């Protein structure tokens, strides 16, 4: 019987960085959507990190997001927030 030579899994640096960036981004979104873990409690995303814009994106706007805190604040994004604004952390209010 002939044994097959041992092959190694080839992972490029680019593929590894891309996968780790995706994993970190996904965990940040899950943490923001389900409540902050104790390790990051009290910290907020900057407006630029959240891709905040002062205008709505279709029917999505801050005033119908679960994170919005009237009159002009957000639980997960720092700074003054317009009720008609939008960011990629938008989570529609239930009901």
PDB file of N, CA and C in Angstrom:
ATOM      1  N   UNK A   1       0.817  -1.170   0.000  1.00  0.00           N
ATOM      2  CA  UNK A   1       0.000   0.000   0.000  1.00  0.00           C
ATOM      3  C   UNK A   1       0.873   1.249   0.000  1.00  0.00           C
ATOM      4  N   UNK A   2       0.478   2.211  -0.782  1.00  0.00           N
ATOM      5  CA  UNK A   2       1.235   3.450  -0.853  1.00  0.00           C
ATOM      6  C   UNK A   2       0.546   4.506  -0.005  1.00  0.00           C
ATOM      7  N   UNK A   3       1.322   5.151   0.846  1.00  0.00           N
ATOM      8  CA  UNK A   3       0.751   6.209   1.684  1.00  0.00           C
ATOM      9  C   UNK A   3       0.771   7.524   0.936  1.00  0.00           C
ATOM     10  N   UNK A   4      -0.289   8.303   1.150  1.00  0.00           N
ATOM     11  CA  UNK A   4      -0.330   9.625   0.539  1.00  0.00           C
ATOM     12  C   UNK A   4       0.547  10.552   1.365  1.00  0.00           C
ATOM     13  N   UNK A   5       1.265  11.465   0.703  1.00  0.00           N
ATOM     14  CA  UNK A   5       2.095  12.390   1.462  1.00  0.00           C
ATOM     15  C   UNK A   5       1.222  13.343   2.285  1.00  0.00           C
ATOM     16  N   UNK A   6       1.750  13.737   3.438  1.00  0.00           N
ATOM     17  CA  UNK A   6       1.043  14.666   4.312  1.00  0.00           C
ATOM     18  C   UNK A   6       0.950  16.023   3.624  1.00  0.00           C
ATOM     19  N   UNK A   7      -0.247  16.534   3.507  1.00  0.00           N
ATOM     20  CA  UNK A   7      -0.424  17.851   2.894  1.00  0.00           C
ATOM     21  C   UNK A   7      -0.823  18.848   3.965  1.00  0.00           C
ATOM     22  N   UNK A   8      -0.353  20.028   3.816  1.00  0.00           N
ATOM     23  CA  UNK A   8      -0.699  21.080   4.771  1.00  0.00           C
ATOM     24  C   UNK A   8      -1.784  21.965   4.194  1.00  0.00           C
ATOM     25  N   UNK A   9      -2.564  22.516   5.063  1.00  0.00           N
ATOM     26  CA  UNK A   9      -3.605  23.441   4.655  1.00  0.00           C
ATOM     27  C   UNK A   9      -2.937  24.783   4.393  1.00  0.00           C
ATOM     28  N   UNK A  10      -3.054  25.238   3.167  1.00  0.00           N
ATOM     29  CA  UNK A  10      -2.414  26.482   2.800  1.00  0.00           C
ATOM     30  C   UNK A  10      -3.370  27.652   3.051  1.00  0.00           C
ATOM     31  N   UNK A  11      -2.989  28.513   3.957  1.00  0.00           N
ATOM     32  CA  UNK A  11      -3.792  29.694   4.274  1.00  0.00           C
ATOM     33  C   UNK A  11      -2.903  30.908   4.053  1.00  0.00           C
ATOM     34  N   UNK A  12      -3.345  31.766   3.177  1.00  0.00           N
ATOM     35  CA  UNK A  12      -2.570  32.968   2.931  1.00  0.00           C
ATOM     36  C   UNK A  12      -2.830  33.990   4.035  1.00  0.00           C
ATOM     37  N   UNK A  13      -1.925  34.886   4.205  1.00  0.00           N
ATOM     38  CA  UNK A  13      -2.074  35.953   5.189  1.00  0.00           C
ATOM     39  C   UNK A  13      -3.314  36.789   4.871  1.00  0.00           C
ATOM     40  N   UNK A  14      -3.537  37.060   3.609  1.00  0.00           N
ATOM     41  CA  UNK A  14      -4.699  37.856   3.201  1.00  0.00           C
ATOM     42  C   UNK A  14      -5.999  37.151   3.582  1.00  0.00           C
ATOM     43  N   UNK A  15      -6.076  35.854   3.326  1.00  0.00           N
ATOM     44  CA  UNK A  15      -7.290  35.096   3.667  1.00  0.00           C
ATOM     45  C   UNK A  15      -7.509  35.073   5.181  1.00  0.00           C
ATOM     46  N   UNK A  16      -6.440  34.912   5.946  1.00  0.00           N
ATOM     47  CA  UNK A  16      -6.540  34.894   7.400  1.00  0.00           C
ATOM     48  C   UNK A  16      -7.002  36.250   7.937  1.00  0.00           C
ATOM     49  N   UNK A  17      -6.434  37.341   7.427  1.00  0.00           N
ATOM     50  CA  UNK A  17      -6.846  38.678   7.859  1.00  0.00           C
ATOM     51  C   UNK A  17      -8.291  38.966   7.476  1.00  0.00           C
ATOM     52  N   UNK A  18      -8.690  38.568   6.296  1.00  0.00           N
ATOM     53  CA  UNK A  18     -10.068  38.789   5.845  1.00  0.00           C
ATOM     54  C   UNK A  18     -11.050  38.031   6.739  1.00  0.00           C
ATOM     55  N   UNK A  19     -10.737  36.792   7.061  1.00  0.00           N
ATOM     56  CA  UNK A  19     -11.619  35.987   7.901  1.00  0.00           C
ATOM     57  C   UNK A  19     -11.691  36.546   9.317  1.00  0.00           C
ATOM     58  N   UNK A  20     -10.557  36.986   9.866  1.00  0.00           N
ATOM     59  CA  UNK A  20     -10.578  37.534  11.225  1.00  0.00           C
ATOM     60  C   UNK A  20     -11.298  38.872  11.269  1.00  0.00           C
ATOM     61  N   UNK A  21     -11.170  39.690  10.226  1.00  0.00           N
ATOM     62  CA  UNK A  21     -11.896  40.953  10.168  1.00  0.00           C
ATOM     63  C   UNK A  21     -13.396  40.701  10.120  1.00  0.00           C
ATOM     64  N   UNK A  22     -13.809  39.729   9.329  1.00  0.00           N
ATOM     65  CA  UNK A  22     -15.228  39.378   9.252  1.00  0.00           C
ATOM     66  C   UNK A  22     -15.734  38.899  10.611  1.00  0.00           C
ATOM     67  N   UNK A  23     -14.965  38.053  11.278  1.00  0.00           N
ATOM     68  CA  UNK A  23     -15.386  37.520  12.574  1.00  0.00           C
ATOM     69  C   UNK A  23     -15.506  38.628  13.619  1.00  0.00           C
ATOM     70  N   UNK A  24     -14.560  39.552  13.633  1.00  0.00           N
ATOM     71  CA  UNK A  24     -14.628  40.662  14.584  1.00  0.00           C
ATOM     72  C   UNK A  24     -15.813  41.566  14.292  1.00  0.00           C
ATOM     73  N   UNK A  25     -16.064  41.853  13.028  1.00  0.00           N
ATOM     74  CA  UNK A  25     -17.205  42.688  12.661  1.00  0.00           C
ATOM     75  C   UNK A  25     -18.525  42.029  13.024  1.00  0.00           C
ATOM     76  N   UNK A  26     -18.636  40.743  12.761  1.00  0.00           N
ATOM     77  CA  UNK A  26     -19.866  40.022  13.091  1.00  0.00           C
ATOM     78  C   UNK A  26     -20.094  39.991  14.594  1.00  0.00           C
ATOM     79  N   UNK A  27     -19.037  39.782  15.365  1.00  0.00           N
ATOM     80  CA  UNK A  27     -19.214  39.761  16.818  1.00  0.00           C
ATOM     81  C   UNK A  27     -19.589  41.137  17.350  1.00  0.00           C
ATOM     82  N   UNK A  28     -19.094  42.205  16.740  1.00  0.00           N
ATOM     83  CA  UNK A  28     -19.475  43.554  17.158  1.00  0.00           C
ATOM     84  C   UNK A  28     -20.944  43.813  16.875  1.00  0.00           C
ATOM     85  N   UNK A  29     -21.432  43.369  15.723  1.00  0.00           N
ATOM     86  CA  UNK A  29     -22.849  43.546  15.391  1.00  0.00           C
ATOM     87  C   UNK A  29     -23.741  42.744  16.318  1.00  0.00           C
ATOM     88  N   UNK A  30     -23.351  41.517  16.618  1.00  0.00           N
ATOM     89  CA  UNK A  30     -24.151  40.696  17.526  1.00  0.00           C
ATOM     90  C   UNK A  30     -24.161  41.325  18.909  1.00  0.00           C
ATOM     91  N   UNK A  31     -23.016  41.810  19.362  1.00  0.00           N
ATOM     92  CA  UNK A  31     -22.943  42.463  20.673  1.00  0.00           C
ATOM     93  C   UNK A  31     -23.808  43.708  20.731  1.00  0.00           C
ATOM     94  N   UNK A  32     -23.832  44.475  19.649  1.00  0.00           N
ATOM     95  CA  UNK A  32     -24.653  45.693  19.620  1.00  0.00           C
ATOM     96  C   UNK A  32     -26.126  45.360  19.542  1.00  0.00           C
ATOM     97  N   UNK A  33     -26.475  44.294  18.854  1.00  0.00           N
ATOM     98  CA  UNK A  33     -27.878  43.942  18.690  1.00  0.00           C
ATOM     99  C   UNK A  33     -28.478  43.230  19.888  1.00  0.00           C
ATOM    100  N   UNK A  34     -27.689  42.481  20.623  1.00  0.00           N
ATOM    101  CA  UNK A  34     -28.209  41.683  21.725  1.00  0.00           C
ATOM    102  C   UNK A  34     -27.846  42.236  23.092  1.00  0.00           C
ATOM    103  N   UNK A  35     -27.237  43.383  23.141  1.00  0.00           N
ATOM    104  CA  UNK A  35     -26.813  43.955  24.415  1.00  0.00           C
ATOM    105  C   UNK A  35     -25.318  43.794  24.559  1.00  0.00           C
ATOM    106  N   UNK A  36     -24.688  44.763  25.152  1.00  0.00           N
ATOM    107  CA  UNK A  36     -23.235  44.751  25.268  1.00  0.00           C
ATOM    108  C   UNK A  36     -22.778  43.772  26.337  1.00  0.00           C
ATOM    109  N   UNK A  37     -21.660  43.145  26.084  1.00  0.00           N
ATOM    110  CA  UNK A  37     -21.080  42.266  27.085  1.00  0.00           C
ATOM    111  C   UNK A  37     -20.410  43.125  28.148  1.00  0.00           C
ATOM    112  N   UNK A  38     -20.156  42.595  29.326  1.00  0.00           N
ATOM    113  CA  UNK A  38     -19.525  43.399  30.377  1.00  0.00           C
ATOM    114  C   UNK A  38     -18.182  43.995  29.961  1.00  0.00           C
ATOM    115  N   UNK A  39     -17.469  43.329  29.052  1.00  0.00           N
ATOM    116  CA  UNK A  39     -16.159  43.827  28.642  1.00  0.00           C
ATOM    117  C   UNK A  39     -16.255  45.129  27.861  1.00  0.00           C
ATOM    118  N   UNK A  40     -17.359  45.326  27.118  1.00  0.00           N
ATOM    119  CA  UNK A  40     -17.478  46.542  26.325  1.00  0.00           C
ATOM    120  C   UNK A  40     -18.621  47.434  26.779  1.00  0.00           C
ATOM    121  N   UNK A  41     -19.210  47.120  27.921  1.00  0.00           N
ATOM    122  CA  UNK A  41     -20.316  47.932  28.416  1.00  0.00           C
ATOM    123  C   UNK A  41     -19.856  49.368  28.618  1.00  0.00           C
ATOM    124  N   UNK A  42     -20.682  50.306  28.210  1.00  0.00           N
ATOM    125  CA  UNK A  42     -20.354  51.717  28.385  1.00  0.00           C
ATOM    126  C   UNK A  42     -19.635  52.335  27.202  1.00  0.00           C
ATOM    127  N   UNK A  43     -19.136  51.546  26.271  1.00  0.00           N
ATOM    128  CA  UNK A  43     -18.463  52.112  25.109  1.00  0.00           C
ATOM    129  C   UNK A  43     -19.440  52.176  23.940  1.00  0.00           C
ATOM    130  N   UNK A  44     -19.260  53.175  23.094  1.00  0.00           N
ATOM    131  CA  UNK A  44     -20.139  53.373  21.947  1.00  0.00           C
ATOM    132  C   UNK A  44     -19.315  53.463  20.676  1.00  0.00           C
ATOM    133  N   UNK A  45     -19.976  53.213  19.552  1.00  0.00           N
ATOM    134  CA  UNK A  45     -19.353  53.385  18.249  1.00  0.00           C
ATOM    135  C   UNK A  45     -19.299  54.876  17.930  1.00  0.00           C
ATOM    136  N   UNK A  46     -18.259  55.297  17.227  1.00  0.00           N
ATOM    137  CA  UNK A  46     -18.231  56.667  16.724  1.00  0.00           C
ATOM    138  C   UNK A  46     -19.215  56.741  15.562  1.00  0.00           C
ATOM    139  N   UNK A  47     -19.634  57.950  15.228  1.00  0.00           N
ATOM    140  CA  UNK A  47     -20.571  58.101  14.115  1.00  0.00           C
ATOM    141  C   UNK A  47     -19.969  57.599  12.809  1.00  0.00           C
ATOM    142  N   UNK A  48     -18.674  57.825  12.617  1.00  0.00           N
ATOM    143  CA  UNK A  48     -18.052  57.355  11.369  1.00  0.00           C
ATOM    144  C   UNK A  48     -17.960  55.835  11.327  1.00  0.00           C
ATOM    145  N   UNK A  49     -17.686  55.184  12.462  1.00  0.00           N
ATOM    146  CA  UNK A  49     -17.632  53.720  12.492  1.00  0.00           C
ATOM    147  C   UNK A  49     -19.002  53.115  12.209  1.00  0.00           C
ATOM    148  N   UNK A  50     -20.054  53.765  12.674  1.00  0.00           N
ATOM    149  CA  UNK A  50     -21.414  53.259  12.479  1.00  0.00           C
ATOM    150  C   UNK A  50     -21.982  53.680  11.134  1.00  0.00           C
ATOM    151  N   UNK A  51     -21.201  54.419  10.351  1.00  0.00           N
ATOM    152  CA  UNK A  51     -21.667  54.932   9.051  1.00  0.00           C
ATOM    153  C   UNK A  51     -22.944  55.761   9.219  1.00  0.00           C
ATOM    154  N   UNK A  52     -22.983  56.537  10.317  1.00  0.00           N
ATOM    155  CA  UNK A  52     -24.148  57.376  10.613  1.00  0.00           C
ATOM    156  C   UNK A  52     -24.326  58.448   9.543  1.00  0.00           C
ATOM    157  N   UNK A  53     -25.594  58.685   9.180  1.00  0.00           N
ATOM    158  CA  UNK A  53     -25.943  59.771   8.273  1.00  0.00           C
ATOM    159  C   UNK A  53     -27.177  60.460   8.849  1.00  0.00           C
ATOM    160  N   UNK A  54     -27.296  61.776   8.711  1.00  0.00           N
ATOM    161  CA  UNK A  54     -28.418  62.503   9.303  1.00  0.00           C
ATOM    162  C   UNK A  54     -29.731  62.349   8.541  1.00  0.00           C
ATOM    163  N   UNK A  55     -29.743  61.556   7.490  1.00  0.00           N
ATOM    164  CA  UNK A  55     -30.949  61.326   6.702  1.00  0.00           C
ATOM    165  C   UNK A  55     -31.336  59.853   6.771  1.00  0.00           C
ATOM    166  N   UNK A  56     -32.622  59.536   6.616  1.00  0.00           N
ATOM    167  CA  UNK A  56     -33.056  58.139   6.695  1.00  0.00           C
ATOM    168  C   UNK A  56     -32.611  57.322   5.488  1.00  0.00           C
ATOM    169  N   UNK A  57     -32.703  56.022   5.623  1.00  0.00           N
ATOM    170  CA  UNK A  57     -32.442  55.115   4.505  1.00  0.00           C
ATOM    171  C   UNK A  57     -33.763  54.405   4.225  1.00  0.00           C
ATOM    172  N   UNK A  58     -34.524  54.963   3.302  1.00  0.00           N
ATOM    173  CA  UNK A  58     -35.861  54.437   3.025  1.00  0.00           C
ATOM    174  C   UNK A  58     -36.749  54.634   4.240  1.00  0.00           C
ATOM    175  N   UNK A  59     -37.397  53.573   4.677  1.00  0.00           N
ATOM    176  CA  UNK A  59     -38.270  53.631   5.850  1.00  0.00           C
ATOM    177  C   UNK A  59     -37.492  53.484   7.152  1.00  0.00           C
ATOM    178  N   UNK A  60     -36.200  53.218   7.066  1.00  0.00           N
ATOM    179  CA  UNK A  60     -35.373  53.050   8.262  1.00  0.00           C
ATOM    180  C   UNK A  60     -34.852  54.398   8.740  1.00  0.00           C
ATOM    181  N   UNK A  61     -35.193  54.749   9.972  1.00  0.00           N
ATOM    182  CA  UNK A  61     -34.672  55.982  10.565  1.00  0.00           C
ATOM    183  C   UNK A  61     -34.492  55.769  12.060  1.00  0.00           C
ATOM    184  N   UNK A  62     -33.699  56.609  12.671  1.00  0.00           N
ATOM    185  CA  UNK A  62     -33.372  56.455  14.087  1.00  0.00           C
ATOM    186  C   UNK A  62     -34.614  56.455  14.978  1.00  0.00           C
ATOM    187  N   UNK A  63     -35.623  57.255  14.644  1.00  0.00           N
ATOM    188  CA  UNK A  63     -36.786  57.336  15.521  1.00  0.00           C
ATOM    189  C   UNK A  63     -37.603  56.049  15.571  1.00  0.00           C
ATOM    190  N   UNK A  64     -37.373  55.103  14.647  1.00  0.00           N
ATOM    191  CA  UNK A  64     -38.045  53.813  14.767  1.00  0.00           C
ATOM    192  C   UNK A  64     -37.032  52.675  14.968  1.00  0.00           C
ATOM    193  N   UNK A  65     -35.911  53.010  15.609  1.00  0.00           N
ATOM    194  CA  UNK A  65     -34.858  52.042  15.937  1.00  0.00           C
ATOM    195  C   UNK A  65     -34.886  51.765  17.444  1.00  0.00           C
ATOM    196  N   UNK A  66     -34.620  50.541  17.828  1.00  0.00           N
ATOM    197  CA  UNK A  66     -34.634  50.180  19.246  1.00  0.00           C
ATOM    198  C   UNK A  66     -33.537  50.876  20.039  1.00  0.00           C
ATOM    199  N   UNK A  67     -32.473  51.315  19.374  1.00  0.00           N
ATOM    200  CA  UNK A  67     -31.341  51.935  20.061  1.00  0.00           C
ATOM    201  C   UNK A  67     -31.527  53.439  20.305  1.00  0.00           C
ATOM    202  N   UNK A  68     -32.486  54.064  19.628  1.00  0.00           N
ATOM    203  CA  UNK A  68     -32.675  55.513  19.719  1.00  0.00           C
ATOM    204  C   UNK A  68     -33.188  55.914  21.102  1.00  0.00           C
ATOM    205  N   UNK A  69     -32.609  56.991  21.637  1.00  0.00           N
ATOM    206  CA  UNK A  69     -32.997  57.531  22.934  1.00  0.00           C
ATOM    207  C   UNK A  69     -33.406  58.989  22.738  1.00  0.00           C
ATOM    208  N   UNK A  70     -34.721  59.270  22.695  1.00  0.00           N
ATOM    209  CA  UNK A  70     -35.192  60.640  22.460  1.00  0.00           C
ATOM    210  C   UNK A  70     -34.639  61.608  23.494  1.00  0.00           C
ATOM    211  N   UNK A  71     -34.388  62.845  23.175  1.00  0.00           N
ATOM    212  CA  UNK A  71     -34.713  63.471  21.911  1.00  0.00           C
ATOM    213  C   UNK A  71     -33.625  63.336  20.847  1.00  0.00           C
ATOM    214  N   UNK A  72     -32.350  63.112  21.230  1.00  0.00           N
ATOM    215  CA  UNK A  72     -31.297  63.107  20.205  1.00  0.00           C
ATOM    216  C   UNK A  72     -30.078  62.287  20.618  1.00  0.00           C
ATOM    217  N   UNK A  73     -30.296  61.051  21.086  1.00  0.00           N
ATOM    218  CA  UNK A  73     -29.176  60.208  21.511  1.00  0.00           C
ATOM    219  C   UNK A  73     -29.404  58.772  21.035  1.00  0.00           C
ATOM    220  N   UNK A  74     -28.354  57.975  21.165  1.00  0.00           N
ATOM    221  CA  UNK A  74     -28.408  56.569  20.762  1.00  0.00           C
ATOM    222  C   UNK A  74     -27.672  55.742  21.807  1.00  0.00           C
ATOM    223  N   UNK A  75     -28.142  54.534  22.041  1.00  0.00           N
ATOM    224  CA  UNK A  75     -27.514  53.642  23.011  1.00  0.00           C
ATOM    225  C   UNK A  75     -26.173  53.098  22.528  1.00  0.00           C
ATOM    226  N   UNK A  76     -25.952  53.056  21.215  1.00  0.00           N
ATOM    227  CA  UNK A  76     -24.732  52.434  20.698  1.00  0.00           C
ATOM    228  C   UNK A  76     -23.857  53.354  19.852  1.00  0.00           C
ATOM    229  N   UNK A  77     -24.351  54.548  19.505  1.00  0.00           N
ATOM    230  CA  UNK A  77     -23.571  55.498  18.698  1.00  0.00           C
ATOM    231  C   UNK A  77     -23.414  56.784  19.500  1.00  0.00           C
ATOM    232  N   UNK A  78     -22.207  57.308  19.540  1.00  0.00           N
ATOM    233  CA  UNK A  78     -21.950  58.510  20.326  1.00  0.00           C
ATOM    234  C   UNK A  78     -22.353  59.779  19.584  1.00  0.00           C
ATOM    235  N   UNK A  79     -22.543  60.850  20.344  1.00  0.00           N
ATOM    236  CA  UNK A  79     -22.846  62.149  19.761  1.00  0.00           C
ATOM    237  C   UNK A  79     -24.329  62.406  19.615  1.00  0.00           C
ATOM    238  N   UNK A  80     -24.631  63.595  19.068  1.00  0.00           N
ATOM    239  CA  UNK A  80     -26.016  63.983  18.833  1.00  0.00           C
ATOM    240  C   UNK A  80     -26.553  63.225  17.625  1.00  0.00           C
ATOM    241  N   UNK A  81     -27.731  62.626  17.783  1.00  0.00           N
ATOM    242  CA  UNK A  81     -28.333  61.791  16.752  1.00  0.00           C
ATOM    243  C   UNK A  81     -29.665  62.399  16.322  1.00  0.00           C
ATOM    244  N   UNK A  82     -29.848  62.559  15.032  1.00  0.00           N
ATOM    245  CA  UNK A  82     -31.100  63.083  14.496  1.00  0.00           C
ATOM    246  C   UNK A  82     -32.159  61.971  14.477  1.00  0.00           C
ATOM    247  N   UNK A  83     -33.396  62.267  14.888  1.00  0.00           N
ATOM    248  CA  UNK A  83     -34.452  61.251  14.807  1.00  0.00           C
ATOM    249  C   UNK A  83     -34.670  60.736  13.377  1.00  0.00           C
ATOM    250  N   UNK A  84     -34.333  61.553  12.391  1.00  0.00           N
ATOM    251  CA  UNK A  84     -34.489  61.124  10.999  1.00  0.00           C
ATOM    252  C   UNK A  84     -33.182  60.586  10.414  1.00  0.00           C
ATOM    253  N   UNK A  85     -32.193  60.314  11.255  1.00  0.00           N
ATOM    254  CA  UNK A  85     -30.914  59.783  10.794  1.00  0.00           C
ATOM    255  C   UNK A  85     -30.962  58.278  10.585  1.00  0.00           C
ATOM    256  N   UNK A  86     -29.806  57.686  10.257  1.00  0.00           N
ATOM    257  CA  UNK A  86     -29.698  56.245  10.025  1.00  0.00           C
ATOM    258  C   UNK A  86     -28.241  55.820  10.176  1.00  0.00           C
ATOM    259  N   UNK A  87     -27.996  54.576  10.625  1.00  0.00           N
ATOM    260  CA  UNK A  87     -26.660  53.974  10.605  1.00  0.00           C
ATOM    261  C   UNK A  87     -26.813  52.478  10.358  1.00  0.00           C
ATOM    262  N   UNK A  88     -25.699  51.789  10.121  1.00  0.00           N
ATOM    263  CA  UNK A  88     -25.776  50.369   9.789  1.00  0.00           C
ATOM    264  C   UNK A  88     -26.115  49.497  10.998  1.00  0.00           C
ATOM    265  N   UNK A  89     -26.182  50.079  12.194  1.00  0.00           N
ATOM    266  CA  UNK A  89     -26.574  49.334  13.390  1.00  0.00           C
ATOM    267  C   UNK A  89     -28.081  49.394  13.632  1.00  0.00           C
ATOM    268  N   UNK A  90     -28.801  49.950  12.659  1.00  0.00           N
ATOM    269  CA  UNK A  90     -30.245  50.087  12.773  1.00  0.00           C
ATOM    270  C   UNK A  90     -30.916  48.755  13.110  1.00  0.00           C
ATOM    271  N   UNK A  91     -31.818  48.799  14.096  1.00  0.00           N
ATOM    272  CA  UNK A  91     -32.608  47.628  14.487  1.00  0.00           C
ATOM    273  C   UNK A  91     -34.053  48.087  14.704  1.00  0.00           C
ATOM    274  N   UNK A  92     -34.938  47.666  13.829  1.00  0.00           N
ATOM    275  CA  UNK A  92     -36.329  48.116  13.862  1.00  0.00           C
ATOM    276  C   UNK A  92     -37.017  47.759  15.171  1.00  0.00           C
ATOM    277  N   UNK A  93     -37.793  48.714  15.695  1.00  0.00           N
ATOM    278  CA  UNK A  93     -38.571  48.455  16.907  1.00  0.00           C
ATOM    279  C   UNK A  93     -39.626  47.396  16.610  1.00  0.00           C
ATOM    280  N   UNK A  94     -39.847  46.529  17.547  1.00  0.00           N
ATOM    281  CA  UNK A  94     -40.873  45.495  17.387  1.00  0.00           C
ATOM    282  C   UNK A  94     -42.256  46.125  17.594  1.00  0.00           C
ATOM    283  N   UNK A  95     -43.199  45.636  16.841  1.00  0.00           N
ATOM    284  CA  UNK A  95     -44.590  46.073  17.054  1.00  0.00           C
ATOM    285  C   UNK A  95     -44.949  47.171  16.238  1.00  0.00           C
TER     286      UNK A  95
END
